Amino acid sequence: MYKTELHLHNAAISRCAHTTDEEIVARYEQAGYTTLVLTNHFSRSSFNARSYASYEDFVHQFWQAGPRLEELSGGRLRVLTAAEVRFDTSNNDYLVFGVTKEMMLENQEMFWCSGLRKFRPFADEQGLLVYQAHPFRDGMTVARPDLLDGIEVFNGHPGHDSRNPIALL
């Protein structure tokens, strides 16, 4: 049996995360998880919030976070990497599953500037899944369903009211 976290950030990349990598590993192992999907923020604002030398440096550091968690767990946790993308065109966040490091390196404009409407054909072409993260949180607008593969119906961030009950309807 697998117990999987599908939306997790670590403090090395995402500003909203306050838990150290060691604490993440300890908490999830104690709770019986087998798999974590690290969905750190991938946006221009995430890049600007830290002192990255370049876009390429940001991408490389982004992709180092998952293997570090897996290493800290001694291989007891499988850690996959996805991304929480925020386009320049809105405050919405999208969990993008199936993305690769090479895809990010080769398509900066697509990941930052395109907006969901332009990103959807790219996602289909690349075989990516796109879920709207916490769509009922303040400042978010619910995206058109035909542009999504789904929506997040539970977000456990203690600092935000994600209005999870509404998402379940």
C-alpha atoms as a PDB file:
ATOM      1  CA  MET A   1       0.000   0.000   0.000  1.00  0.00           C
ATOM      2  CA  TYR A   2       1.172   3.505  -0.835  1.00  0.00           C
ATOM      3  CA  LYS A   3       0.491   6.692   1.082  1.00  0.00           C
ATOM      4  CA  THR A   4       1.383   9.709  -1.051  1.00  0.00           C
ATOM      5  CA  GLU A   5       1.581  13.463  -0.502  1.00  0.00           C
ATOM      6  CA  LEU A   6       0.834  15.211  -3.813  1.00  0.00           C
ATOM      7  CA  HIS A   7       1.500  18.860  -2.884  1.00  0.00           C
ATOM      8  CA  LEU A   8       4.580  19.564  -0.789  1.00  0.00           C
ATOM      9  CA  HIS A   9       7.057  22.437  -0.650  1.00  0.00           C
ATOM     10  CA  ASN A  10      10.416  22.720   1.064  1.00  0.00           C
ATOM     11  CA  ALA A  11      11.987  25.893   2.402  1.00  0.00           C
ATOM     12  CA  ALA A  12      15.047  25.629   0.150  1.00  0.00           C
ATOM     13  CA  ILE A  13      12.920  26.667  -2.851  1.00  0.00           C
ATOM     14  CA  SER A  14       9.441  27.825  -1.767  1.00  0.00           C
ATOM     15  CA  ARG A  15       9.065  30.885   0.481  1.00  0.00           C
ATOM     16  CA  CYS A  16       5.811  29.617   2.034  1.00  0.00           C
ATOM     17  CA  ALA A  17       7.532  26.519   3.437  1.00  0.00           C
ATOM     18  CA  HIS A  18       9.020  26.804   6.918  1.00  0.00           C
ATOM     19  CA  THR A  19       9.888  23.182   7.629  1.00  0.00           C
ATOM     20  CA  THR A  20      13.435  21.926   7.231  1.00  0.00           C
ATOM     21  CA  ASP A  21      14.157  18.973   5.002  1.00  0.00           C
ATOM     22  CA  GLU A  22      14.998  16.890   8.070  1.00  0.00           C
ATOM     23  CA  GLU A  23      11.640  17.744   9.666  1.00  0.00           C
ATOM     24  CA  ILE A  24       9.787  16.919   6.447  1.00  0.00           C
ATOM     25  CA  VAL A  25      11.375  13.483   6.281  1.00  0.00           C
ATOM     26  CA  ALA A  26      10.758  12.755   9.971  1.00  0.00           C
ATOM     27  CA  ARG A  27       7.106  13.861   9.905  1.00  0.00           C
ATOM     28  CA  TYR A  28       6.163  12.001   6.750  1.00  0.00           C
ATOM     29  CA  GLU A  29       7.974   8.828   7.775  1.00  0.00           C
ATOM     30  CA  GLN A  30       6.271   8.937  11.186  1.00  0.00           C
ATOM     31  CA  ALA A  31       2.889   9.367   9.473  1.00  0.00           C
ATOM     32  CA  GLY A  32       3.501   6.285   7.325  1.00  0.00           C
ATOM     33  CA  TYR A  33       3.988   7.934   3.941  1.00  0.00           C
ATOM     34  CA  THR A  34       5.854   6.084   1.209  1.00  0.00           C
ATOM     35  CA  THR A  35       5.913   8.739  -1.506  1.00  0.00           C
ATOM     36  CA  LEU A  36       6.203  12.513  -1.624  1.00  0.00           C
ATOM     37  CA  VAL A  37       5.657  14.681  -4.680  1.00  0.00           C
ATOM     38  CA  LEU A  38       7.688  17.825  -4.189  1.00  0.00           C
ATOM     39  CA  THR A  39       5.761  20.597  -5.939  1.00  0.00           C
ATOM     40  CA  ASN A  40       7.855  23.636  -5.140  1.00  0.00           C
ATOM     41  CA  HIS A  41       6.831  26.992  -6.544  1.00  0.00           C
ATOM     42  CA  PHE A  42       8.123  27.594 -10.051  1.00  0.00           C
ATOM     43  CA  SER A  43       7.479  31.177 -11.069  1.00  0.00           C
ATOM     44  CA  ARG A  44       9.146  34.473 -11.729  1.00  0.00           C
ATOM     45  CA  SER A  45       8.304  35.612  -8.176  1.00  0.00           C
ATOM     46  CA  SER A  46       9.988  32.494  -6.736  1.00  0.00           C
ATOM     47  CA  PHE A  47      13.055  33.234  -8.833  1.00  0.00           C
ATOM     48  CA  ASN A  48      13.100  36.885  -7.736  1.00  0.00           C
ATOM     49  CA  ALA A  49      12.721  35.994  -4.039  1.00  0.00           C
ATOM     50  CA  ARG A  50      16.112  34.269  -3.883  1.00  0.00           C
ATOM     51  CA  SER A  51      19.605  35.071  -5.138  1.00  0.00           C
ATOM     52  CA  TYR A  52      19.801  32.805  -8.165  1.00  0.00           C
ATOM     53  CA  ALA A  53      22.572  33.546 -10.628  1.00  0.00           C
ATOM     54  CA  SER A  54      20.316  32.804 -13.589  1.00  0.00           C
ATOM     55  CA  TYR A  55      17.166  31.040 -14.690  1.00  0.00           C
ATOM     56  CA  GLU A  56      19.286  27.938 -15.332  1.00  0.00           C
ATOM     57  CA  ASP A  57      20.658  28.101 -11.758  1.00  0.00           C
ATOM     58  CA  PHE A  58      17.092  28.278 -10.437  1.00  0.00           C
ATOM     59  CA  VAL A  59      16.082  25.217 -12.464  1.00  0.00           C
ATOM     60  CA  HIS A  60      19.129  23.233 -11.293  1.00  0.00           C
ATOM     61  CA  GLN A  61      18.488  24.056  -7.627  1.00  0.00           C
ATOM     62  CA  PHE A  62      14.776  23.309  -8.067  1.00  0.00           C
ATOM     63  CA  TRP A  63      15.657  19.790  -9.260  1.00  0.00           C
ATOM     64  CA  GLN A  64      18.167  19.131  -6.455  1.00  0.00           C
ATOM     65  CA  ALA A  65      15.529  19.435  -3.724  1.00  0.00           C
ATOM     66  CA  GLY A  66      13.778  16.086  -4.331  1.00  0.00           C
ATOM     67  CA  PRO A  67      16.895  13.904  -4.403  1.00  0.00           C
ATOM     68  CA  ARG A  68      18.050  15.607  -1.188  1.00  0.00           C
ATOM     69  CA  LEU A  69      14.831  14.619   0.606  1.00  0.00           C
ATOM     70  CA  GLU A  70      15.104  11.074  -0.704  1.00  0.00           C
ATOM     71  CA  GLU A  71      18.729  10.880   0.436  1.00  0.00           C
ATOM     72  CA  LEU A  72      17.849  12.196   3.907  1.00  0.00           C
ATOM     73  CA  SER A  73      15.233   9.459   4.225  1.00  0.00           C
ATOM     74  CA  GLY A  74      17.821   6.814   3.430  1.00  0.00           C
ATOM     75  CA  GLY A  75      15.635   5.718   0.529  1.00  0.00           C
ATOM     76  CA  ARG A  76      12.645   4.988   2.771  1.00  0.00           C
ATOM     77  CA  LEU A  77      10.666   7.701   0.985  1.00  0.00           C
ATOM     78  CA  ARG A  78      10.325   7.908  -2.770  1.00  0.00           C
ATOM     79  CA  VAL A  79      10.419  11.581  -3.744  1.00  0.00           C
ATOM     80  CA  LEU A  80       9.112  12.694  -7.130  1.00  0.00           C
ATOM     81  CA  THR A  81       9.382  16.209  -8.507  1.00  0.00           C
ATOM     82  CA  ALA A  82       6.538  18.200 -10.022  1.00  0.00           C
ATOM     83  CA  ALA A  83       5.947  21.968  -9.973  1.00  0.00           C
ATOM     84  CA  GLU A  84       3.492  24.517  -8.688  1.00  0.00           C
ATOM     85  CA  VAL A  85       3.484  26.941 -11.598  1.00  0.00           C
ATOM     86  CA  ARG A  86       2.227  30.516 -11.421  1.00  0.00           C
ATOM     87  CA  PHE A  87       2.137  32.324 -14.729  1.00  0.00           C
ATOM     88  CA  ASP A  88       2.778  36.058 -14.955  1.00  0.00           C
ATOM     89  CA  THR A  89      -0.810  36.481 -16.141  1.00  0.00           C
ATOM     90  CA  SER A  90      -2.646  35.710 -12.839  1.00  0.00           C
ATOM     91  CA  ASN A  91      -2.323  34.795  -9.161  1.00  0.00           C
ATOM     92  CA  ASN A  92      -3.563  31.243  -9.751  1.00  0.00           C
ATOM     93  CA  ASP A  93      -1.297  28.301  -8.998  1.00  0.00           C
ATOM     94  CA  TYR A  94      -1.256  25.064 -10.973  1.00  0.00           C
ATOM     95  CA  LEU A  95       0.234  21.724  -9.977  1.00  0.00           C
ATOM     96  CA  VAL A  96       1.988  20.403 -13.066  1.00  0.00           C
ATOM     97  CA  PHE A  97       2.825  16.697 -12.992  1.00  0.00           C
ATOM     98  CA  GLY A  98       5.165  15.038 -15.491  1.00  0.00           C
ATOM     99  CA  VAL A  99       7.435  18.033 -16.002  1.00  0.00           C
ATOM    100  CA  THR A 100      11.156  17.453 -16.495  1.00  0.00           C
ATOM    101  CA  LYS A 101      14.248  19.518 -15.858  1.00  0.00           C
ATOM    102  CA  GLU A 102      14.989  19.641 -19.579  1.00  0.00           C
ATOM    103  CA  MET A 103      11.465  20.832 -20.316  1.00  0.00           C
ATOM    104  CA  MET A 104      11.909  23.725 -17.863  1.00  0.00           C
ATOM    105  CA  LEU A 105      15.335  24.636 -19.219  1.00  0.00           C
ATOM    106  CA  GLU A 106      14.100  24.728 -22.813  1.00  0.00           C
ATOM    107  CA  ASN A 107      10.765  26.509 -22.246  1.00  0.00           C
ATOM    108  CA  GLN A 108      11.156  29.393 -19.792  1.00  0.00           C
ATOM    109  CA  GLU A 109       8.634  31.611 -21.575  1.00  0.00           C
ATOM    110  CA  MET A 110       6.068  28.815 -21.656  1.00  0.00           C
ATOM    111  CA  PHE A 111       6.342  28.228 -17.904  1.00  0.00           C
ATOM    112  CA  TRP A 112       6.338  31.872 -16.841  1.00  0.00           C
ATOM    113  CA  CYS A 113       4.660  34.059 -19.384  1.00  0.00           C
ATOM    114  CA  SER A 114       2.229  31.978 -21.366  1.00  0.00           C
ATOM    115  CA  GLY A 115      -0.818  31.779 -19.120  1.00  0.00           C
ATOM    116  CA  LEU A 116      -2.962  28.688 -18.757  1.00  0.00           C
ATOM    117  CA  ARG A 117      -4.727  29.049 -22.112  1.00  0.00           C
ATOM    118  CA  LYS A 118      -1.429  28.952 -24.029  1.00  0.00           C
ATOM    119  CA  PHE A 119       0.135  26.416 -21.662  1.00  0.00           C
ATOM    120  CA  ARG A 120      -2.637  23.815 -22.102  1.00  0.00           C
ATOM    121  CA  PRO A 121      -1.684  22.767 -25.662  1.00  0.00           C
ATOM    122  CA  PHE A 122       1.955  22.541 -24.571  1.00  0.00           C
ATOM    123  CA  ALA A 123       0.902  20.387 -21.591  1.00  0.00           C
ATOM    124  CA  ASP A 124      -1.101  18.091 -23.872  1.00  0.00           C
ATOM    125  CA  GLU A 125       1.799  17.792 -26.315  1.00  0.00           C
ATOM    126  CA  GLN A 126       4.209  16.945 -23.468  1.00  0.00           C
ATOM    127  CA  GLY A 127       1.822  14.584 -21.639  1.00  0.00           C
ATOM    128  CA  LEU A 128       1.586  16.788 -18.550  1.00  0.00           C
ATOM    129  CA  LEU A 129      -1.252  16.812 -16.029  1.00  0.00           C
ATOM    130  CA  VAL A 130      -2.411  20.242 -14.834  1.00  0.00           C
ATOM    131  CA  TYR A 131      -4.415  20.633 -11.617  1.00  0.00           C
ATOM    132  CA  GLN A 132      -5.451  23.953 -10.150  1.00  0.00           C
ATOM    133  CA  ALA A 133      -4.009  24.280  -6.651  1.00  0.00           C
ATOM    134  CA  HIS A 134      -6.245  25.629  -3.867  1.00  0.00           C
ATOM    135  CA  PRO A 135      -8.738  27.212  -6.320  1.00  0.00           C
ATOM    136  CA  PHE A 136     -11.009  28.707  -3.646  1.00  0.00           C
ATOM    137  CA  ARG A 137      -8.320  30.501  -1.653  1.00  0.00           C
ATOM    138  CA  ASP A 138      -8.463  34.309  -1.507  1.00  0.00           C
ATOM    139  CA  GLY A 139      -6.975  35.898  -4.614  1.00  0.00           C
ATOM    140  CA  MET A 140      -7.605  32.855  -6.816  1.00  0.00           C
ATOM    141  CA  THR A 141     -10.134  32.492  -9.602  1.00  0.00           C
ATOM    142  CA  VAL A 142     -11.415  29.115 -10.692  1.00  0.00           C
ATOM    143  CA  ALA A 143      -9.962  28.283 -14.087  1.00  0.00           C
ATOM    144  CA  ARG A 144     -12.008  26.996 -16.990  1.00  0.00           C
ATOM    145  CA  PRO A 145     -12.514  23.243 -16.496  1.00  0.00           C
ATOM    146  CA  ASP A 146     -11.567  22.463 -20.102  1.00  0.00           C
ATOM    147  CA  LEU A 147      -8.075  23.827 -19.397  1.00  0.00           C
ATOM    148  CA  LEU A 148      -7.534  21.548 -16.386  1.00  0.00           C
ATOM    149  CA  ASP A 149      -7.148  17.877 -15.615  1.00  0.00           C
ATOM    150  CA  GLY A 150      -8.592  18.500 -12.142  1.00  0.00           C
ATOM    151  CA  ILE A 151      -8.544  20.684  -9.043  1.00  0.00           C
ATOM    152  CA  GLU A 152      -7.048  20.239  -5.602  1.00  0.00           C
ATOM    153  CA  VAL A 153      -9.846  19.511  -3.136  1.00  0.00           C
ATOM    154  CA  PHE A 154      -7.785  19.539   0.066  1.00  0.00           C
ATOM    155  CA  ASN A 155      -4.907  21.829   0.946  1.00  0.00           C
ATOM    156  CA  GLY A 156      -3.544  21.554   4.476  1.00  0.00           C
ATOM    157  CA  HIS A 157      -1.485  24.741   4.660  1.00  0.00           C
ATOM    158  CA  PRO A 158      -2.190  26.077   8.175  1.00  0.00           C
ATOM    159  CA  GLY A 159      -1.627  29.695   7.152  1.00  0.00           C
ATOM    160  CA  HIS A 160      -4.299  29.844   4.444  1.00  0.00           C
ATOM    161  CA  ASP A 161      -8.024  29.260   4.280  1.00  0.00           C
ATOM    162  CA  SER A 162      -8.226  27.143   1.149  1.00  0.00           C
ATOM    163  CA  ARG A 163     -11.977  26.613   1.620  1.00  0.00           C
ATOM    164  CA  ASN A 164     -11.562  22.866   1.221  1.00  0.00           C
ATOM    165  CA  PRO A 165     -15.261  22.077   1.834  1.00  0.00           C
ATOM    166  CA  ILE A 166     -16.239  24.149  -1.205  1.00  0.00           C
ATOM    167  CA  ALA A 167     -13.722  22.288  -3.368  1.00  0.00           C
ATOM    168  CA  LEU A 168     -15.307  18.971  -2.427  1.00  0.00           C
ATOM    169  CA  LEU A 169     -18.731  20.005  -3.805  1.00  0.00           C
END
